[in-house]
PDB file of N, CA and C in Angstrom:
ATOM      1  N   MET A   1       0.704  -1.302  -0.122  1.00  0.00           N
ATOM      2  CA  MET A   1       0.001   0.034   0.041  1.00  0.00           C
ATOM      3  C   MET A   1       0.895   1.166   0.064  1.00  0.00           C
ATOM      4  N   ARG A   2       0.441   1.997  -0.872  1.00  0.00           N
ATOM      5  CA  ARG A   2       1.538   3.551  -0.847  1.00  0.00           C
ATOM      6  C   ARG A   2       0.768   4.545   0.136  1.00  0.00           C
ATOM      7  N   ILE A   3       1.843   5.163   0.690  1.00  0.00           N
ATOM      8  CA  ILE A   3       1.393   6.098   1.719  1.00  0.00           C
ATOM      9  C   ILE A   3       1.513   7.670   1.029  1.00  0.00           C
ATOM     10  N   ASP A   4       0.574   8.266   1.570  1.00  0.00           N
ATOM     11  CA  ASP A   4       0.641   9.834   1.065  1.00  0.00           C
ATOM     12  C   ASP A   4       1.707  10.473   1.892  1.00  0.00           C
ATOM     13  N   THR A   5       2.647  11.067   1.217  1.00  0.00           N
ATOM     14  CA  THR A   5       3.738  11.815   1.931  1.00  0.00           C
ATOM     15  C   THR A   5       3.422  13.325   2.042  1.00  0.00           C
ATOM     16  N   SER A   6       2.281  13.657   1.509  1.00  0.00           N
ATOM     17  CA  SER A   6       2.005  15.144   1.383  1.00  0.00           C
ATOM     18  C   SER A   6       2.915  16.039   0.727  1.00  0.00           C
ATOM     19  N   LYS A   7       3.957  15.207  -0.080  1.00  0.00           N
ATOM     20  CA  LYS A   7       4.602  16.217  -1.123  1.00  0.00           C
ATOM     21  C   LYS A   7       4.046  16.393  -2.298  1.00  0.00           C
ATOM     22  N   TYR A   8       4.158  17.511  -2.795  1.00  0.00           N
ATOM     23  CA  TYR A   8       3.586  18.074  -4.011  1.00  0.00           C
ATOM     24  C   TYR A   8       4.651  17.929  -5.103  1.00  0.00           C
ATOM     25  N   PRO A   9       4.171  17.847  -6.507  1.00  0.00           N
ATOM     26  CA  PRO A   9       5.218  17.754  -7.556  1.00  0.00           C
ATOM     27  C   PRO A   9       5.987  19.146  -7.511  1.00  0.00           C
ATOM     28  N   GLU A  10       7.134  18.909  -8.079  1.00  0.00           N
ATOM     29  CA  GLU A  10       8.040  20.035  -7.984  1.00  0.00           C
ATOM     30  C   GLU A  10       8.392  20.268  -9.708  1.00  0.00           C
ATOM     31  N   GLY A  11       9.077  21.547 -10.069  1.00  0.00           N
ATOM     32  CA  GLY A  11       9.263  21.657 -11.343  1.00  0.00           C
ATOM     33  C   GLY A  11       8.211  21.944 -12.281  1.00  0.00           C
ATOM     34  N   LYS A  12       8.325  21.602 -13.484  1.00  0.00           N
ATOM     35  CA  LYS A  12       7.141  21.889 -14.534  1.00  0.00           C
ATOM     36  C   LYS A  12       5.782  21.220 -14.009  1.00  0.00           C
ATOM     37  N   ASP A  13       5.677  20.291 -13.137  1.00  0.00           N
ATOM     38  CA  ASP A  13       4.459  19.819 -12.736  1.00  0.00           C
ATOM     39  C   ASP A  13       4.071  20.326 -11.289  1.00  0.00           C
ATOM     40  N   ALA A  14       4.787  21.331 -11.007  1.00  0.00           N
ATOM     41  CA  ALA A  14       4.348  21.974  -9.486  1.00  0.00           C
ATOM     42  C   ALA A  14       3.161  22.410  -9.475  1.00  0.00           C
ATOM     43  N   VAL A  15       2.543  22.358  -8.295  1.00  0.00           N
ATOM     44  CA  VAL A  15       1.315  22.974  -8.093  1.00  0.00           C
ATOM     45  C   VAL A  15       1.345  24.187  -7.414  1.00  0.00           C
ATOM     46  N   ASP A  16       0.568  25.174  -7.740  1.00  0.00           N
ATOM     47  CA  ASP A  16       0.772  26.427  -7.327  1.00  0.00           C
ATOM     48  C   ASP A  16       0.362  26.716  -5.695  1.00  0.00           C
ATOM     49  N   PRO A  17       1.194  27.145  -4.919  1.00  0.00           N
ATOM     50  CA  PRO A  17       1.046  27.124  -3.500  1.00  0.00           C
ATOM     51  C   PRO A  17      -0.387  27.676  -3.093  1.00  0.00           C
ATOM     52  N   LYS A  18      -0.729  28.656  -3.645  1.00  0.00           N
ATOM     53  CA  LYS A  18      -1.825  29.291  -3.305  1.00  0.00           C
ATOM     54  C   LYS A  18      -3.129  28.351  -3.565  1.00  0.00           C
ATOM     55  N   LYS A  19      -3.056  27.642  -4.681  1.00  0.00           N
ATOM     56  CA  LYS A  19      -4.123  26.641  -4.805  1.00  0.00           C
ATOM     57  C   LYS A  19      -4.093  25.339  -3.921  1.00  0.00           C
ATOM     58  N   VAL A  20      -2.971  25.171  -3.410  1.00  0.00           N
ATOM     59  CA  VAL A  20      -2.830  24.187  -2.255  1.00  0.00           C
ATOM     60  C   VAL A  20      -3.545  24.703  -0.967  1.00  0.00           C
ATOM     61  N   LYS A  21      -3.069  25.939  -0.810  1.00  0.00           N
ATOM     62  CA  LYS A  21      -3.709  26.614   0.589  1.00  0.00           C
ATOM     63  C   LYS A  21      -5.274  26.743   0.544  1.00  0.00           C
ATOM     64  N   ARG A  22      -5.653  27.113  -0.640  1.00  0.00           N
ATOM     65  CA  ARG A  22      -7.148  27.186  -1.063  1.00  0.00           C
ATOM     66  C   ARG A  22      -7.838  25.719  -0.866  1.00  0.00           C
ATOM     67  N   LEU A  23      -7.230  24.775  -1.264  1.00  0.00           N
ATOM     68  CA  LEU A  23      -7.764  23.272  -1.202  1.00  0.00           C
ATOM     69  C   LEU A  23      -7.661  22.918   0.118  1.00  0.00           C
ATOM     70  N   LYS A  24      -6.798  23.096   0.850  1.00  0.00           N
ATOM     71  CA  LYS A  24      -6.637  22.778   2.314  1.00  0.00           C
ATOM     72  C   LYS A  24      -7.766  23.426   2.966  1.00  0.00           C
ATOM     73  N   LEU A  25      -7.898  24.615   2.820  1.00  0.00           N
ATOM     74  CA  LEU A  25      -8.981  25.447   3.432  1.00  0.00           C
ATOM     75  C   LEU A  25     -10.407  25.082   3.140  1.00  0.00           C
ATOM     76  N   LEU A  26     -10.654  24.609   1.915  1.00  0.00           N
ATOM     77  CA  LEU A  26     -11.977  24.039   1.410  1.00  0.00           C
ATOM     78  C   LEU A  26     -12.319  22.769   1.917  1.00  0.00           C
ATOM     79  N   SER A  27     -10.990  21.962   2.038  1.00  0.00           N
ATOM     80  CA  SER A  27     -11.334  20.743   2.690  1.00  0.00           C
ATOM     81  C   SER A  27     -11.627  20.643   4.270  1.00  0.00           C
ATOM     82  N   LYS A  28     -10.978  21.523   5.018  1.00  0.00           N
ATOM     83  CA  LYS A  28     -11.295  21.842   6.406  1.00  0.00           C
ATOM     84  C   LYS A  28     -12.881  22.326   6.415  1.00  0.00           C
ATOM     85  N   LEU A  29     -13.243  23.307   5.597  1.00  0.00           N
ATOM     86  CA  LEU A  29     -14.475  23.918   5.646  1.00  0.00           C
ATOM     87  C   LEU A  29     -15.530  22.948   5.464  1.00  0.00           C
ATOM     88  N   ALA A  30     -15.366  22.117   4.432  1.00  0.00           N
ATOM     89  CA  ALA A  30     -16.438  20.950   4.105  1.00  0.00           C
ATOM     90  C   ALA A  30     -16.394  19.942   5.073  1.00  0.00           C
ATOM     91  N   THR A  31     -15.196  19.573   5.751  1.00  0.00           N
ATOM     92  CA  THR A  31     -15.370  18.564   6.711  1.00  0.00           C
ATOM     93  C   THR A  31     -16.116  19.228   7.940  1.00  0.00           C
ATOM     94  N   ILE A  32     -15.865  20.382   8.324  1.00  0.00           N
ATOM     95  CA  ILE A  32     -16.823  20.935   9.525  1.00  0.00           C
ATOM     96  C   ILE A  32     -18.303  21.096   9.043  1.00  0.00           C
ATOM     97  N   MET A  33     -18.487  21.467   7.806  1.00  0.00           N
ATOM     98  CA  MET A  33     -19.992  21.410   7.463  1.00  0.00           C
ATOM     99  C   MET A  33     -20.605  20.089   7.514  1.00  0.00           C
ATOM    100  N   CYS A  34     -19.766  19.071   7.132  1.00  0.00           N
ATOM    101  CA  CYS A  34     -20.362  17.895   6.928  1.00  0.00           C
ATOM    102  C   CYS A  34     -20.728  17.289   8.412  1.00  0.00           C
ATOM    103  N   ILE A  35     -19.678  17.307   9.338  1.00  0.00           N
ATOM    104  CA  ILE A  35     -19.971  17.148  10.652  1.00  0.00           C
ATOM    105  C   ILE A  35     -21.085  17.784  11.212  1.00  0.00           C
ATOM    106  N   SER A  36     -21.105  19.178  10.949  1.00  0.00           N
ATOM    107  CA  SER A  36     -22.335  19.915  11.576  1.00  0.00           C
ATOM    108  C   SER A  36     -23.767  19.162  11.109  1.00  0.00           C
ATOM    109  N   MET A  37     -23.656  18.891   9.777  1.00  0.00           N
ATOM    110  CA  MET A  37     -25.022  18.438   8.956  1.00  0.00           C
ATOM    111  C   MET A  37     -25.509  17.116   9.770  1.00  0.00           C
ATOM    112  N   TYR A  38     -24.433  16.327  10.182  1.00  0.00           N
ATOM    113  CA  TYR A  38     -24.913  15.153  10.781  1.00  0.00           C
ATOM    114  C   TYR A  38     -25.222  15.340  12.556  1.00  0.00           C
ATOM    115  N   ILE A  39     -24.505  16.378  12.979  1.00  0.00           N
ATOM    116  CA  ILE A  39     -24.735  16.780  14.355  1.00  0.00           C
ATOM    117  C   ILE A  39     -26.201  17.174  14.509  1.00  0.00           C
ATOM    118  N   SER A  40     -26.651  17.727  13.483  1.00  0.00           N
ATOM    119  CA  SER A  40     -28.035  18.355  13.528  1.00  0.00           C
ATOM    120  C   SER A  40     -29.014  17.281  13.912  1.00  0.00           C
ATOM    121  N   TYR A  41     -28.831  16.195  13.886  1.00  0.00           N
ATOM    122  CA  TYR A  41     -29.753  15.158  14.185  1.00  0.00           C
ATOM    123  C   TYR A  41     -30.069  15.001  15.757  1.00  0.00           C
ATOM    124  N   ILE A  42     -29.203  15.526  16.422  1.00  0.00           N
ATOM    125  CA  ILE A  42     -29.577  15.600  17.880  1.00  0.00           C
ATOM    126  C   ILE A  42     -30.766  16.008  18.145  1.00  0.00           C
ATOM    127  N   PRO A  43     -31.394  16.958  17.614  1.00  0.00           N
ATOM    128  CA  PRO A  43     -32.810  17.516  18.004  1.00  0.00           C
ATOM    129  C   PRO A  43     -33.749  16.426  17.715  1.00  0.00           C
ATOM    130  N   GLN A  44     -33.612  15.789  16.640  1.00  0.00           N
ATOM    131  CA  GLN A  44     -34.630  14.662  16.018  1.00  0.00           C
ATOM    132  C   GLN A  44     -34.472  13.648  17.097  1.00  0.00           C
ATOM    133  N   ILE A  45     -33.150  13.147  17.641  1.00  0.00           N
ATOM    134  CA  ILE A  45     -33.144  12.305  18.685  1.00  0.00           C
ATOM    135  C   ILE A  45     -33.973  12.529  19.812  1.00  0.00           C
ATOM    136  N   ILE A  46     -33.557  13.532  20.256  1.00  0.00           N
ATOM    137  CA  ILE A  46     -34.350  14.224  21.347  1.00  0.00           C
ATOM    138  C   ILE A  46     -35.960  14.173  21.172  1.00  0.00           C
ATOM    139  N   ALA A  47     -36.388  14.586  19.990  1.00  0.00           N
ATOM    140  CA  ALA A  47     -37.898  14.528  19.827  1.00  0.00           C
ATOM    141  C   ALA A  47     -38.368  13.118  19.836  1.00  0.00           C
ATOM    142  N   ASN A  48     -37.482  12.176  19.369  1.00  0.00           N
ATOM    143  CA  ASN A  48     -37.847  10.825  19.335  1.00  0.00           C
ATOM    144  C   ASN A  48     -38.203  10.233  20.760  1.00  0.00           C
ATOM    145  N   PHE A  49     -37.254  10.641  21.637  1.00  0.00           N
ATOM    146  CA  PHE A  49     -37.153  10.313  23.092  1.00  0.00           C
ATOM    147  C   PHE A  49     -38.345  10.884  23.773  1.00  0.00           C
ATOM    148  N   SER A  50     -38.848  12.088  23.236  1.00  0.00           N
ATOM    149  CA  SER A  50     -39.862  13.038  23.947  1.00  0.00           C
ATOM    150  C   SER A  50     -41.223  12.405  23.284  1.00  0.00           C
ATOM    151  N   GLY A  51     -41.210  11.433  22.646  1.00  0.00           N
ATOM    152  CA  GLY A  51     -42.714  10.917  22.079  1.00  0.00           C
ATOM    153  C   GLY A  51     -43.084  11.266  20.890  1.00  0.00           C
ATOM    154  N   HIS A  52     -42.332  12.077  20.168  1.00  0.00           N
ATOM    155  CA  HIS A  52     -42.558  12.811  18.916  1.00  0.00           C
ATOM    156  C   HIS A  52     -41.626  12.330  17.770  1.00  0.00           C
ATOM    157  N   PRO A  53     -41.818  10.888  17.746  1.00  0.00           N
ATOM    158  CA  PRO A  53     -40.956  10.507  16.372  1.00  0.00           C
ATOM    159  C   PRO A  53     -40.859  11.033  15.059  1.00  0.00           C
ATOM    160  N   VAL A  54     -39.860  11.304  14.523  1.00  0.00           N
ATOM    161  CA  VAL A  54     -39.697  11.590  13.350  1.00  0.00           C
ATOM    162  C   VAL A  54     -39.666  10.599  12.273  1.00  0.00           C
ATOM    163  N   SER A  55     -39.588  10.948  10.891  1.00  0.00           N
ATOM    164  CA  SER A  55     -39.615   9.926   9.808  1.00  0.00           C
ATOM    165  C   SER A  55     -38.305   9.328   9.889  1.00  0.00           C
ATOM    166  N   PRO A  56     -38.094   8.087   9.786  1.00  0.00           N
ATOM    167  CA  PRO A  56     -36.789   7.189   9.710  1.00  0.00           C
ATOM    168  C   PRO A  56     -36.206   7.400   8.515  1.00  0.00           C
ATOM    169  N   LEU A  57     -36.934   7.561   7.278  1.00  0.00           N
ATOM    170  CA  LEU A  57     -36.309   7.633   5.989  1.00  0.00           C
ATOM    171  C   LEU A  57     -35.059   8.341   5.595  1.00  0.00           C
ATOM    172  N   GLN A  58     -35.213   9.685   6.071  1.00  0.00           N
ATOM    173  CA  GLN A  58     -33.898  10.408   5.785  1.00  0.00           C
ATOM    174  C   GLN A  58     -32.711  10.149   6.598  1.00  0.00           C
ATOM    175  N   PRO A  59     -32.943   9.886   7.923  1.00  0.00           N
ATOM    176  CA  PRO A  59     -31.456   9.455   8.642  1.00  0.00           C
ATOM    177  C   PRO A  59     -31.138   8.034   8.101  1.00  0.00           C
ATOM    178  N   LEU A  60     -32.081   7.275   7.742  1.00  0.00           N
ATOM    179  CA  LEU A  60     -31.576   5.980   7.333  1.00  0.00           C
ATOM    180  C   LEU A  60     -30.800   6.346   5.992  1.00  0.00           C
ATOM    181  N   VAL A  61     -31.324   6.988   5.109  1.00  0.00           N
ATOM    182  CA  VAL A  61     -30.555   7.224   3.742  1.00  0.00           C
ATOM    183  C   VAL A  61     -29.290   7.902   4.003  1.00  0.00           C
ATOM    184  N   ALA A  62     -29.358   8.896   4.954  1.00  0.00           N
ATOM    185  CA  ALA A  62     -27.957   9.543   5.366  1.00  0.00           C
ATOM    186  C   ALA A  62     -26.959   8.612   6.110  1.00  0.00           C
ATOM    187  N   ALA A  63     -27.353   7.581   6.791  1.00  0.00           N
ATOM    188  CA  ALA A  63     -26.467   6.723   7.425  1.00  0.00           C
ATOM    189  C   ALA A  63     -25.935   5.808   6.244  1.00  0.00           C
ATOM    190  N   ILE A  64     -26.613   5.475   5.147  1.00  0.00           N
ATOM    191  CA  ILE A  64     -26.161   4.572   4.117  1.00  0.00           C
ATOM    192  C   ILE A  64     -25.243   5.323   3.364  1.00  0.00           C
ATOM    193  N   ASN A  65     -25.629   6.537   3.078  1.00  0.00           N
ATOM    194  CA  ASN A  65     -24.666   7.366   2.298  1.00  0.00           C
ATOM    195  C   ASN A  65     -23.300   7.716   2.866  1.00  0.00           C
ATOM    196  N   ALA A  66     -23.418   8.001   4.325  1.00  0.00           N
ATOM    197  CA  ALA A  66     -22.161   8.261   4.743  1.00  0.00           C
ATOM    198  C   ALA A  66     -21.239   6.775   4.935  1.00  0.00           C
ATOM    199  N   SER A  67     -22.081   5.691   5.238  1.00  0.00           N
ATOM    200  CA  SER A  67     -21.157   4.396   5.063  1.00  0.00           C
ATOM    201  C   SER A  67     -20.630   4.362   3.709  1.00  0.00           C
ATOM    202  N   LEU A  68     -21.192   4.619   2.650  1.00  0.00           N
ATOM    203  CA  LEU A  68     -20.681   4.512   1.243  1.00  0.00           C
ATOM    204  C   LEU A  68     -19.463   5.414   1.155  1.00  0.00           C
ATOM    205  N   TRP A  69     -19.675   6.713   1.677  1.00  0.00           N
ATOM    206  CA  TRP A  69     -18.499   7.672   1.577  1.00  0.00           C
ATOM    207  C   TRP A  69     -17.319   7.253   2.392  1.00  0.00           C
ATOM    208  N   VAL A  70     -17.639   6.536   3.694  1.00  0.00           N
ATOM    209  CA  VAL A  70     -16.470   6.348   4.598  1.00  0.00           C
ATOM    210  C   VAL A  70     -15.658   4.987   3.817  1.00  0.00           C
ATOM    211  N   GLY A  71     -16.508   3.956   3.046  1.00  0.00           N
ATOM    212  CA  GLY A  71     -15.893   3.030   2.350  1.00  0.00           C
ATOM    213  C   GLY A  71     -15.058   3.332   1.326  1.00  0.00           C
ATOM    214  N   TYR A  72     -15.491   4.470   0.682  1.00  0.00           N
ATOM    215  CA  TYR A  72     -14.789   5.073  -0.492  1.00  0.00           C
ATOM    216  C   TYR A  72     -13.368   5.542  -0.028  1.00  0.00           C
ATOM    217  N   GLY A  73     -13.657   6.562   1.038  1.00  0.00           N
ATOM    218  CA  GLY A  73     -12.290   7.108   1.397  1.00  0.00           C
ATOM    219  C   GLY A  73     -11.367   6.158   2.113  1.00  0.00           C
ATOM    220  N   TRP A  74     -11.776   4.978   2.611  1.00  0.00           N
ATOM    221  CA  TRP A  74     -10.975   4.010   3.150  1.00  0.00           C
ATOM    222  C   TRP A  74     -10.111   3.052   2.003  1.00  0.00           C
ATOM    223  N   SER A  75     -11.034   2.989   0.909  1.00  0.00           N
ATOM    224  CA  SER A  75     -10.595   2.129   0.073  1.00  0.00           C
ATOM    225  C   SER A  75      -9.562   2.551  -0.966  1.00  0.00           C
ATOM    226  N   LYS A  76      -9.495   4.048  -1.074  1.00  0.00           N
ATOM    227  CA  LYS A  76      -8.598   4.697  -1.979  1.00  0.00           C
ATOM    228  C   LYS A  76      -7.143   4.222  -1.467  1.00  0.00           C
ATOM    229  N   THR A  77      -6.299   4.344  -2.576  1.00  0.00           N
ATOM    230  CA  THR A  77      -4.881   4.044  -2.452  1.00  0.00           C
ATOM    231  C   THR A  77      -4.326   4.840  -1.132  1.00  0.00           C
ATOM    232  N   TYR A  78      -4.594   6.137  -1.298  1.00  0.00           N
ATOM    233  CA  TYR A  78      -4.279   7.185  -0.284  1.00  0.00           C
ATOM    234  C   TYR A  78      -5.652   7.389   0.629  1.00  0.00           C
ATOM    235  N   LYS A  79      -5.492   7.028   2.018  1.00  0.00           N
ATOM    236  CA  LYS A  79      -6.796   7.129   2.713  1.00  0.00           C
ATOM    237  C   LYS A  79      -7.168   8.641   2.724  1.00  0.00           C
ATOM    238  N   ASP A  80      -8.460   8.805   2.321  1.00  0.00           N
ATOM    239  CA  ASP A  80      -9.009  10.097   2.043  1.00  0.00           C
ATOM    240  C   ASP A  80      -9.665  10.406   3.587  1.00  0.00           C
ATOM    241  N   TRP A  81      -8.672  10.959   4.563  1.00  0.00           N
ATOM    242  CA  TRP A  81      -9.227  11.151   6.068  1.00  0.00           C
ATOM    243  C   TRP A  81     -10.049  12.298   5.966  1.00  0.00           C
ATOM    244  N   PRO A  82     -10.184  13.384   5.219  1.00  0.00           N
ATOM    245  CA  PRO A  82     -11.433  14.315   5.479  1.00  0.00           C
ATOM    246  C   PRO A  82     -12.567  13.612   5.169  1.00  0.00           C
ATOM    247  N   VAL A  83     -12.834  12.938   4.076  1.00  0.00           N
ATOM    248  CA  VAL A  83     -13.980  11.994   3.851  1.00  0.00           C
ATOM    249  C   VAL A  83     -14.255  11.020   4.751  1.00  0.00           C
ATOM    250  N   ILE A  84     -13.398  10.433   5.294  1.00  0.00           N
ATOM    251  CA  ILE A  84     -13.569   9.483   6.338  1.00  0.00           C
ATOM    252  C   ILE A  84     -14.211  10.159   7.491  1.00  0.00           C
ATOM    253  N   ILE A  85     -13.418  11.118   8.090  1.00  0.00           N
ATOM    254  CA  ILE A  85     -13.714  11.649   9.399  1.00  0.00           C
ATOM    255  C   ILE A  85     -15.072  12.281   9.264  1.00  0.00           C
ATOM    256  N   SER A  86     -15.281  13.173   8.147  1.00  0.00           N
ATOM    257  CA  SER A  86     -16.430  13.957   8.113  1.00  0.00           C
ATOM    258  C   SER A  86     -17.767  13.042   8.028  1.00  0.00           C
ATOM    259  N   ASN A  87     -17.697  11.791   7.556  1.00  0.00           N
ATOM    260  CA  ASN A  87     -18.909  10.842   7.618  1.00  0.00           C
ATOM    261  C   ASN A  87     -18.950   9.991   8.480  1.00  0.00           C
ATOM    262  N   LEU A  88     -18.045   9.734   9.244  1.00  0.00           N
ATOM    263  CA  LEU A  88     -18.294   8.771  10.606  1.00  0.00           C
ATOM    264  C   LEU A  88     -19.381   9.265  11.435  1.00  0.00           C
ATOM    265  N   PRO A  89     -19.550  10.544  11.634  1.00  0.00           N
ATOM    266  CA  PRO A  89     -20.749  10.982  12.582  1.00  0.00           C
ATOM    267  C   PRO A  89     -22.003  10.685  11.904  1.00  0.00           C
ATOM    268  N   GLY A  90     -22.072  10.807  10.489  1.00  0.00           N
ATOM    269  CA  GLY A  90     -23.470  10.508   9.829  1.00  0.00           C
ATOM    270  C   GLY A  90     -23.767   9.115   9.846  1.00  0.00           C
ATOM    271  N   ILE A  91     -22.686   8.061  10.067  1.00  0.00           N
ATOM    272  CA  ILE A  91     -23.079   6.531  10.498  1.00  0.00           C
ATOM    273  C   ILE A  91     -23.759   6.517  11.539  1.00  0.00           C
ATOM    274  N   VAL A  92     -23.079   7.168  12.814  1.00  0.00           N
ATOM    275  CA  VAL A  92     -23.683   6.908  14.044  1.00  0.00           C
ATOM    276  C   VAL A  92     -24.908   7.680  14.335  1.00  0.00           C
ATOM    277  N   PHE A  93     -24.872   9.025  14.129  1.00  0.00           N
ATOM    278  CA  PHE A  93     -26.170   9.809  14.248  1.00  0.00           C
ATOM    279  C   PHE A  93     -27.182   9.290  13.473  1.00  0.00           C
ATOM    280  N   GLY A  94     -27.018   8.851  12.242  1.00  0.00           N
ATOM    281  CA  GLY A  94     -28.064   8.274  11.362  1.00  0.00           C
ATOM    282  C   GLY A  94     -28.803   7.271  11.905  1.00  0.00           C
ATOM    283  N   ILE A  95     -27.913   6.210  12.401  1.00  0.00           N
ATOM    284  CA  ILE A  95     -28.336   4.978  12.916  1.00  0.00           C
ATOM    285  C   ILE A  95     -29.066   5.168  14.218  1.00  0.00           C
ATOM    286  N   VAL A  96     -28.438   6.053  15.065  1.00  0.00           N
ATOM    287  CA  VAL A  96     -28.996   6.424  16.480  1.00  0.00           C
ATOM    288  C   VAL A  96     -30.405   6.927  16.184  1.00  0.00           C
ATOM    289  N   THR A  97     -30.513   7.816  15.307  1.00  0.00           N
ATOM    290  CA  THR A  97     -31.913   8.475  14.887  1.00  0.00           C
ATOM    291  C   THR A  97     -32.894   7.419  14.394  1.00  0.00           C
ATOM    292  N   VAL A  98     -32.520   6.570  13.615  1.00  0.00           N
ATOM    293  CA  VAL A  98     -33.423   5.706  13.112  1.00  0.00           C
ATOM    294  C   VAL A  98     -34.042   4.716  14.253  1.00  0.00           C
ATOM    295  N   VAL A  99     -32.908   4.247  15.236  1.00  0.00           N
ATOM    296  CA  VAL A  99     -33.313   3.305  16.235  1.00  0.00           C
ATOM    297  C   VAL A  99     -34.246   4.001  17.320  1.00  0.00           C
ATOM    298  N   THR A 100     -33.687   5.212  17.527  1.00  0.00           N
ATOM    299  CA  THR A 100     -34.788   6.013  18.564  1.00  0.00           C
ATOM    300  C   THR A 100     -36.123   6.385  17.929  1.00  0.00           C
ATOM    301  N   VAL A 101     -36.408   6.081  16.862  1.00  0.00           N
ATOM    302  CA  VAL A 101     -37.618   6.457  16.208  1.00  0.00           C
ATOM    303  C   VAL A 101     -38.605   5.307  16.811  1.00  0.00           C
ATOM    304  N   TYR A 102     -38.050   3.897  16.908  1.00  0.00           N
ATOM    305  CA  TYR A 102     -38.654   2.809  17.185  1.00  0.00           C
ATOM    306  C   TYR A 102     -38.604   2.485  18.700  1.00  0.00           C
ATOM    307  N   ILE A 103     -37.492   3.100  19.453  1.00  0.00           N
ATOM    308  CA  ILE A 103     -37.304   2.705  20.963  1.00  0.00           C
ATOM    309  C   ILE A 103     -37.503   4.271  21.821  1.00  0.00           C
ATOM    310  N   HIS A 104     -38.571   4.483  21.994  1.00  0.00           N
ATOM    311  CA  HIS A 104     -38.757   5.574  22.767  1.00  0.00           C
ATOM    312  C   HIS A 104     -39.649   5.657  24.045  1.00  0.00           C
TER     313      HIS A 104
END
């Protein structure tokens, strides 16, 4: 298995440092927003426990989607950690939301 050394090509194949900086910032922002999206299931979980269950369809589809993205990020030659880390909460919160629909 190859390991990502985080070294960028040099010479004629060099990547513009400004582009690298923008991509790193975009990656961090996208990771934070993705985690925030999944954390927003907490009010739905609370509603489920309060006796007002929500529809399980959307959190179930979100958990499946997050599982697929984690599998994709894990299966790449270089592990895509932003994709993996940002979608792990989707698996957890999606499944917990679905389970609490039926157990409240």
